[in-house]
Amino acid sequence: MRPNPSLILFLLAAFSTTAALYSINSSENYQRTIADNVIVFPRLNAKPEAANVLFIETGALKLKFKQNAESVWVAENKFKYPASSKLIQKVISQLADMRKIAVKTRMPSRFNQIGVEPYQKADANSVFVKLQGADGEILAESILGAQFKRNNIGVAEGTFIRHPKEQQAWLASGSIDIPNDLLSWLDTRILNIEFNEIKKIKFWEKLGGTAVVVRSNDDRGFIYQNRDGIGYLDRKIAKNLFGSFTKLSFVDVWPRETSEKWQSILYFEVEVYSGSKIAGQLLRGGSRKILQFSVDENTIKKITLRGLSDTIAYSELNNWTYVIPAWQADKFLEGLKVIEGGLQ
């Protein structure tokens, strides 16, 4: 019996297809999409509260954050100034929740397509992240690549990842918030006093001009007293003055110092209804407006007891010099109008 030519061709085609699939699947470079769904960082997932040190690196940017003895996260690269605990805790939580979804490429030539190329390159889009415990134990370590929202395998959010010592890239669930500049990691809030908490503000100049603005007990707004006498302050000016001490933030910070080149513009003292007082001065250093504060220990205690110290600044105001945005400095400068008079 002669073999059927069609059957022979079919068997040869089937054998060739099977051999090809085996070859592709056994190749290290094949990009599989097999769901895995295992936890990426099991140690961090088991004890996220143990995270004590966070390293971030991409290109020339190298950041290190650490919990100090008071369990406050500080930026080692910025004079150990307090970092944003909310942001760092969010990063820890996001890393702890990540799960592997699919195996991706092992080909270095394709790493830049998904953003997991070596992070040391100057033009790298990848970000290296590592979390350690207080004892030095590595809880999480990875190169984070491109992120996306929604894809064709039913994933709402995903991130491409790769261990820095491995070639295998993965698609993991979730996205990570990693700012690429130091300032975005800091707790940039200085004061966070509510507008209605402020009772009185006193302003004075180096040459001796003085003015006081007090919240009135009636509905007529704010009373001022300066060299021209007593009167009711324009509501817009009052709003700017009182608003300058609420939600105040900085654009740069360094340990307390005083420069002979700085020009004193305005001195001030803020009193809240609890009786607590915060004093300070606004200075000009070149094109920058600079703030320095003075707070006594009793004031810090009173503020803390009243629940106003939801920023780190209250316990640290005496230790730092702040550069503030020009628009916030303009609010402080309304105090000069009150000192100089001519408001009526």
Protein backbone atom coordinates (compact mmCIF):
# COMPACT_ATOMS: atom_id res chain seq x y z
CA MET A 1 0.00 0.00 0.00
CA ARG A 2 1.44 3.34 -1.07
CA PRO A 3 1.49 6.15 1.53
CA ASN A 4 -1.02 8.92 1.02
CA PRO A 5 0.95 12.04 -0.07
CA SER A 6 -1.56 14.38 1.62
CA LEU A 7 -1.20 12.54 4.92
CA ILE A 8 2.58 12.71 4.72
CA LEU A 9 2.48 16.45 4.08
CA PHE A 10 0.08 16.95 7.01
CA LEU A 11 2.31 14.95 9.38
CA LEU A 12 5.39 16.85 8.25
CA ALA A 13 3.61 20.19 8.79
CA ALA A 14 2.41 19.13 12.24
CA PHE A 15 5.89 17.97 13.21
CA SER A 16 7.43 21.22 11.96
CA THR A 17 4.89 23.33 13.86
CA THR A 18 5.43 21.36 17.08
CA ALA A 19 9.20 21.66 16.72
CA ALA A 20 8.93 25.40 16.11
CA LEU A 21 6.71 25.95 19.15
CA TYR A 22 9.05 23.91 21.30
CA SER A 23 12.01 25.89 20.03
CA ILE A 24 10.31 29.24 20.68
CA ASN A 25 9.04 28.29 24.14
CA SER A 26 12.41 26.93 25.18
CA SER A 27 14.19 30.07 23.93
CA GLU A 28 15.29 32.52 26.63
CA ASN A 29 14.24 35.39 24.39
CA TYR A 30 10.63 34.33 23.89
CA GLN A 31 8.16 36.87 25.40
CA ARG A 32 5.60 34.72 27.13
CA THR A 33 2.37 36.06 28.59
CA ILE A 34 1.67 33.38 31.18
CA ALA A 35 -0.11 34.80 34.23
CA ASP A 36 1.73 34.16 37.48
CA ASN A 37 0.02 36.43 40.05
CA VAL A 38 2.55 35.84 42.81
CA ILE A 39 3.66 38.58 45.19
CA VAL A 40 6.70 40.40 43.82
CA PHE A 41 8.20 41.34 47.20
CA PRO A 42 7.02 38.75 49.76
CA ARG A 43 9.23 40.08 52.59
CA LEU A 44 7.85 43.57 52.23
CA ASN A 45 4.31 42.25 51.84
CA ALA A 46 4.68 40.28 55.09
CA LYS A 47 6.00 43.22 57.15
CA PRO A 48 5.67 46.62 55.40
CA GLU A 49 6.04 48.36 58.76
CA ALA A 50 9.64 47.09 58.92
CA ALA A 51 10.73 49.36 56.04
CA ASN A 52 13.30 51.80 57.40
CA VAL A 53 15.43 52.96 54.45
CA LEU A 54 14.36 53.85 50.91
CA PHE A 55 16.80 54.25 48.01
CA ILE A 56 15.80 55.87 44.70
CA GLU A 57 18.16 56.15 41.75
CA THR A 58 17.78 57.13 38.12
CA GLY A 59 20.53 58.58 35.96
CA ALA A 60 22.44 61.15 38.03
CA LEU A 61 19.71 61.39 40.68
CA LYS A 62 20.42 59.40 43.84
CA LEU A 63 18.10 59.77 46.83
CA LYS A 64 18.09 58.17 50.24
CA PHE A 65 15.34 58.43 52.85
CA LYS A 66 15.56 57.02 56.34
CA GLN A 67 13.46 56.87 59.47
CA ASN A 68 15.13 58.69 62.37
CA ALA A 69 14.90 57.89 66.08
CA GLU A 70 11.49 59.59 66.23
CA SER A 71 10.21 57.41 63.34
CA VAL A 72 10.12 60.45 61.04
CA TRP A 73 11.24 59.88 57.44
CA VAL A 74 14.04 62.30 56.55
CA ALA A 75 15.95 63.06 53.34
CA GLU A 76 19.62 62.15 53.76
CA ASN A 77 20.37 64.22 50.64
CA LYS A 78 18.74 67.37 52.07
CA PHE A 79 20.32 67.90 55.48
CA LYS A 80 17.98 65.21 56.89
CA TYR A 81 14.97 67.46 56.40
CA PRO A 82 11.66 65.64 56.97
CA ALA A 83 10.28 63.93 53.88
CA SER A 84 6.64 63.47 52.97
CA SER A 85 5.61 60.48 55.07
CA LYS A 86 2.39 60.16 53.07
CA LEU A 87 4.30 59.75 49.81
CA ILE A 88 6.81 57.28 51.23
CA GLN A 89 4.12 55.20 52.92
CA LYS A 90 2.21 55.17 49.63
CA VAL A 91 5.29 53.89 47.78
CA ILE A 92 5.79 51.19 50.42
CA SER A 93 2.16 50.13 50.13
CA GLN A 94 2.25 50.10 46.33
CA LEU A 95 5.40 47.96 46.27
CA ALA A 96 4.04 45.59 48.89
CA ASP A 97 0.87 44.99 46.87
CA MET A 98 2.57 44.32 43.52
CA ARG A 99 2.01 40.92 41.93
CA LYS A 100 3.60 39.31 38.90
CA ILE A 101 1.15 39.04 36.03
CA ALA A 102 3.17 37.98 33.01
CA VAL A 103 6.68 37.03 31.98
CA LYS A 104 8.20 39.46 29.50
CA THR A 105 11.44 39.78 27.56
CA ARG A 106 14.93 38.64 28.54
CA MET A 107 16.53 40.49 25.65
CA PRO A 108 18.60 43.52 26.78
CA SER A 109 18.05 45.12 23.39
CA ARG A 110 14.34 45.35 24.20
CA PHE A 111 14.61 46.62 27.77
CA ASN A 112 14.31 50.26 26.74
CA GLN A 113 11.03 49.48 24.96
CA ILE A 114 9.39 48.77 28.33
CA GLY A 115 11.57 51.10 30.41
CA VAL A 116 13.62 48.54 32.37
CA GLU A 117 17.00 49.41 30.87
CA PRO A 118 19.99 49.97 33.21
CA TYR A 119 19.03 52.89 35.44
CA GLN A 120 22.58 54.26 35.64
CA LYS A 121 22.40 55.64 32.09
CA ALA A 122 22.01 59.43 31.92
CA ASP A 123 19.02 59.17 29.59
CA ALA A 124 17.40 56.20 31.33
CA ASN A 125 13.64 56.16 31.80
CA SER A 126 13.91 53.41 34.39
CA VAL A 127 13.99 53.96 38.16
CA PHE A 128 15.82 51.82 40.70
CA VAL A 129 14.08 51.40 44.04
CA LYS A 130 15.18 49.51 47.14
CA LEU A 131 13.65 49.20 50.60
CA GLN A 132 15.60 47.97 53.59
CA GLY A 133 14.75 47.16 57.19
CA ALA A 134 16.58 48.66 60.15
CA ASP A 135 18.79 45.57 60.26
CA GLY A 136 19.81 45.98 56.62
CA GLU A 137 17.49 43.25 55.32
CA ILE A 138 16.43 43.94 51.73
CA LEU A 139 12.63 43.97 51.66
CA ALA A 140 12.22 45.07 48.04
CA GLU A 141 14.60 45.78 45.16
CA SER A 142 13.71 46.37 41.53
CA ILE A 143 14.06 48.43 38.39
CA LEU A 144 10.71 50.03 37.62
CA GLY A 145 9.84 50.66 33.99
CA ALA A 146 6.92 51.90 31.95
CA GLN A 147 3.47 52.08 33.53
CA PHE A 148 0.05 51.94 31.97
CA LYS A 149 -3.64 51.93 32.76
CA ARG A 150 -5.79 49.17 31.26
CA ASN A 151 -4.53 46.60 28.80
CA ASN A 152 -5.84 43.68 26.75
CA ILE A 153 -5.41 41.07 29.47
CA GLY A 154 -7.76 42.75 31.92
CA VAL A 155 -5.21 44.56 34.07
CA ALA A 156 -6.35 47.97 35.36
CA GLU A 157 -2.84 49.25 36.11
CA GLY A 158 0.54 47.69 35.46
CA THR A 159 4.27 48.31 35.70
CA PHE A 160 7.12 46.60 33.91
CA ILE A 161 9.80 45.53 36.39
CA ARG A 162 13.17 43.77 36.41
CA HIS A 163 15.56 42.82 39.19
CA PRO A 164 18.85 44.69 38.63
CA LYS A 165 20.84 41.43 38.78
CA GLU A 166 18.54 39.50 36.47
CA GLN A 167 17.66 39.66 32.77
CA GLN A 168 14.07 38.50 33.13
CA ALA A 169 11.52 41.31 32.89
CA TRP A 170 7.99 41.01 34.22
CA LEU A 171 4.69 42.76 34.00
CA ALA A 172 3.43 43.46 37.52
CA SER A 173 0.12 44.79 38.78
CA GLY A 174 -0.24 48.31 40.11
CA SER A 175 1.58 51.60 39.52
CA ILE A 176 4.18 53.38 41.65
CA ASP A 177 4.40 57.12 42.37
CA ILE A 178 8.09 58.01 42.03
CA PRO A 179 8.80 61.77 41.67
CA ASN A 180 12.01 62.48 39.76
CA ASP A 181 13.14 65.50 41.82
CA LEU A 182 14.13 65.81 45.48
CA LEU A 183 11.78 68.66 46.41
CA SER A 184 8.73 66.57 45.50
CA TRP A 185 9.75 64.05 48.16
CA LEU A 186 9.94 66.62 50.97
CA ASP A 187 7.21 67.81 53.32
CA THR A 188 7.24 71.33 51.90
CA ARG A 189 4.59 72.66 54.26
CA ILE A 190 5.91 75.13 56.82
CA LEU A 191 2.78 76.37 58.58
CA ASN A 192 -0.69 74.93 58.45
CA ILE A 193 -2.65 77.19 60.80
CA GLU A 194 -6.32 77.56 59.95
CA PHE A 195 -7.41 81.06 58.94
CA ASN A 196 -9.90 81.33 61.82
CA GLU A 197 -7.26 80.29 64.40
CA ILE A 198 -5.28 83.51 63.94
CA LYS A 199 -6.20 86.22 66.41
CA LYS A 200 -3.56 88.91 65.91
CA ILE A 201 -0.55 89.75 63.75
CA LYS A 202 2.09 92.30 64.65
CA PHE A 203 4.42 93.74 61.99
CA TRP A 204 7.46 95.94 62.36
CA GLU A 205 10.44 97.13 60.36
CA LYS A 206 14.07 97.34 61.29
CA LEU A 207 13.81 101.15 61.32
CA GLY A 208 11.01 101.08 63.88
CA GLY A 209 7.67 101.30 62.05
CA THR A 210 5.04 99.11 63.73
CA ALA A 211 1.49 97.94 63.02
CA VAL A 212 -0.93 95.51 64.63
CA VAL A 213 -3.89 93.79 63.00
CA VAL A 214 -6.51 92.20 65.26
CA ARG A 215 -9.61 90.24 64.39
CA SER A 216 -12.57 92.28 65.65
CA ASN A 217 -15.23 90.86 67.96
CA ASP A 218 -18.02 92.11 65.71
CA ASP A 219 -18.74 91.42 62.05
CA ARG A 220 -16.82 94.42 60.80
CA GLY A 221 -13.64 92.46 59.98
CA PHE A 222 -10.17 93.43 61.19
CA ILE A 223 -8.90 96.39 63.21
CA TYR A 224 -5.44 97.83 62.59
CA GLN A 225 -3.31 100.22 64.56
CA ASN A 226 -0.34 102.03 63.03
CA ARG A 227 1.28 105.47 63.22
CA ASP A 228 -1.85 107.04 61.78
CA GLY A 229 -4.10 105.64 64.49
CA ILE A 230 -6.80 102.94 64.58
CA GLY A 231 -9.16 101.87 61.84
CA TYR A 232 -10.85 98.98 60.07
CA LEU A 233 -8.59 97.24 57.59
CA ASP A 234 -9.55 96.59 54.00
CA ARG A 235 -10.82 92.98 53.84
CA LYS A 236 -8.65 92.09 50.84
CA ILE A 237 -5.48 93.24 52.60
CA ALA A 238 -6.55 91.43 55.77
CA LYS A 239 -7.23 88.24 53.84
CA ASN A 240 -3.76 88.33 52.29
CA LEU A 241 -2.11 89.05 55.62
CA PHE A 242 -3.82 86.24 57.49
CA GLY A 243 -3.59 83.97 54.50
CA SER A 244 0.20 84.33 54.39
CA PHE A 245 0.43 82.19 57.52
CA THR A 246 -1.98 79.47 56.41
CA LYS A 247 -0.88 76.59 54.19
CA LEU A 248 2.58 78.14 53.90
CA SER A 249 5.13 76.11 51.93
CA PHE A 250 8.69 76.44 50.63
CA VAL A 251 10.60 75.92 47.38
CA ASP A 252 13.97 75.35 49.07
CA VAL A 253 15.29 74.79 52.57
CA TRP A 254 18.61 74.53 54.37
CA PRO A 255 19.83 74.57 58.01
CA ARG A 256 19.43 77.88 59.83
CA GLU A 257 21.96 80.47 58.77
CA THR A 258 22.19 84.23 58.44
CA SER A 259 24.01 86.00 55.64
CA GLU A 260 25.30 89.56 55.72
CA LYS A 261 24.09 89.89 52.13
CA TRP A 262 20.48 89.31 53.13
CA GLN A 263 18.28 92.36 53.58
CA SER A 264 15.63 92.32 56.30
CA ILE A 265 12.28 93.34 54.83
CA LEU A 266 9.75 92.66 57.57
CA TYR A 267 9.46 91.26 61.10
CA PHE A 268 6.26 89.65 62.33
CA GLU A 269 4.63 87.88 65.26
CA VAL A 270 1.51 85.74 64.91
CA GLU A 271 -0.76 84.97 67.87
CA VAL A 272 -3.46 82.29 67.73
CA TYR A 273 -6.47 82.12 70.05
CA SER A 274 -4.75 79.61 72.34
CA GLY A 275 -2.18 82.30 73.16
CA SER A 276 0.62 80.59 71.22
CA LYS A 277 2.95 82.87 69.29
CA ILE A 278 5.25 82.37 66.32
CA ALA A 279 7.74 85.12 65.45
CA GLY A 280 9.87 85.48 62.37
CA GLN A 281 11.25 87.68 59.64
CA LEU A 282 11.10 87.97 55.89
CA LEU A 283 14.42 88.63 54.19
CA ARG A 284 15.60 89.27 50.66
CA GLY A 285 18.55 87.27 49.40
CA GLY A 286 19.22 88.26 45.80
CA SER A 287 16.03 87.54 43.90
CA ARG A 288 14.74 85.17 46.59
CA LYS A 289 12.44 85.81 49.54
CA ILE A 290 13.60 84.01 52.68
CA LEU A 291 11.77 83.20 55.91
CA GLN A 292 13.15 82.46 59.34
CA PHE A 293 11.07 81.66 62.42
CA SER A 294 11.41 81.73 66.18
CA VAL A 295 9.23 79.53 68.36
CA ASP A 296 9.63 78.87 72.08
CA GLU A 297 9.10 75.45 73.64
CA ASN A 298 5.85 76.46 75.36
CA THR A 299 4.40 77.56 72.03
CA ILE A 300 5.31 74.24 70.44
CA LYS A 301 3.59 72.37 73.27
CA LYS A 302 0.45 74.53 73.03
CA ILE A 303 0.24 74.12 69.28
CA THR A 304 0.67 70.36 69.57
CA LEU A 305 -2.04 70.13 72.23
CA ARG A 306 -4.45 72.08 70.03
CA GLY A 307 -3.87 69.63 67.17
CA LEU A 308 -2.42 72.27 64.84
CA SER A 309 0.95 70.60 64.33
CA ASP A 310 0.05 68.26 61.49
CA THR A 311 3.22 69.40 59.77
CA ILE A 312 6.71 68.70 61.03
CA ALA A 313 7.64 72.35 60.96
CA TYR A 314 6.31 73.34 64.38
CA SER A 315 8.92 71.32 66.21
CA GLU A 316 11.66 72.34 63.79
CA LEU A 317 10.96 75.96 62.86
CA ASN A 318 13.95 77.28 64.79
CA ASN A 319 16.34 75.02 62.87
CA TRP A 320 15.71 75.97 59.25
CA THR A 321 15.85 78.74 56.67
CA TYR A 322 13.11 78.64 54.04
CA VAL A 323 12.86 80.06 50.54
CA ILE A 324 9.22 80.76 49.73
CA PRO A 325 7.45 81.38 46.39
CA ALA A 326 7.17 84.99 45.24
CA TRP A 327 3.36 84.93 45.41
CA GLN A 328 3.47 83.93 49.07
CA ALA A 329 6.04 86.62 49.81
CA ASP A 330 3.71 89.18 48.24
CA LYS A 331 1.10 88.31 50.88
CA PHE A 332 3.59 89.04 53.65
CA LEU A 333 4.44 92.35 52.01
CA GLU A 334 0.88 93.54 52.61
CA GLY A 335 2.19 94.11 56.14
CA LEU A 336 4.31 96.98 54.85
CA LYS A 337 1.16 98.72 53.61
CA VAL A 338 -0.30 98.52 57.09
CA ILE A 339 2.89 99.84 58.69
CA GLU A 340 3.23 102.73 56.26
CA GLY A 341 -0.39 103.81 56.62
CA GLY A 342 -2.56 105.52 54.03
CA LEU A 343 -5.09 102.68 54.07
CA GLN A 344 -8.22 104.79 54.49
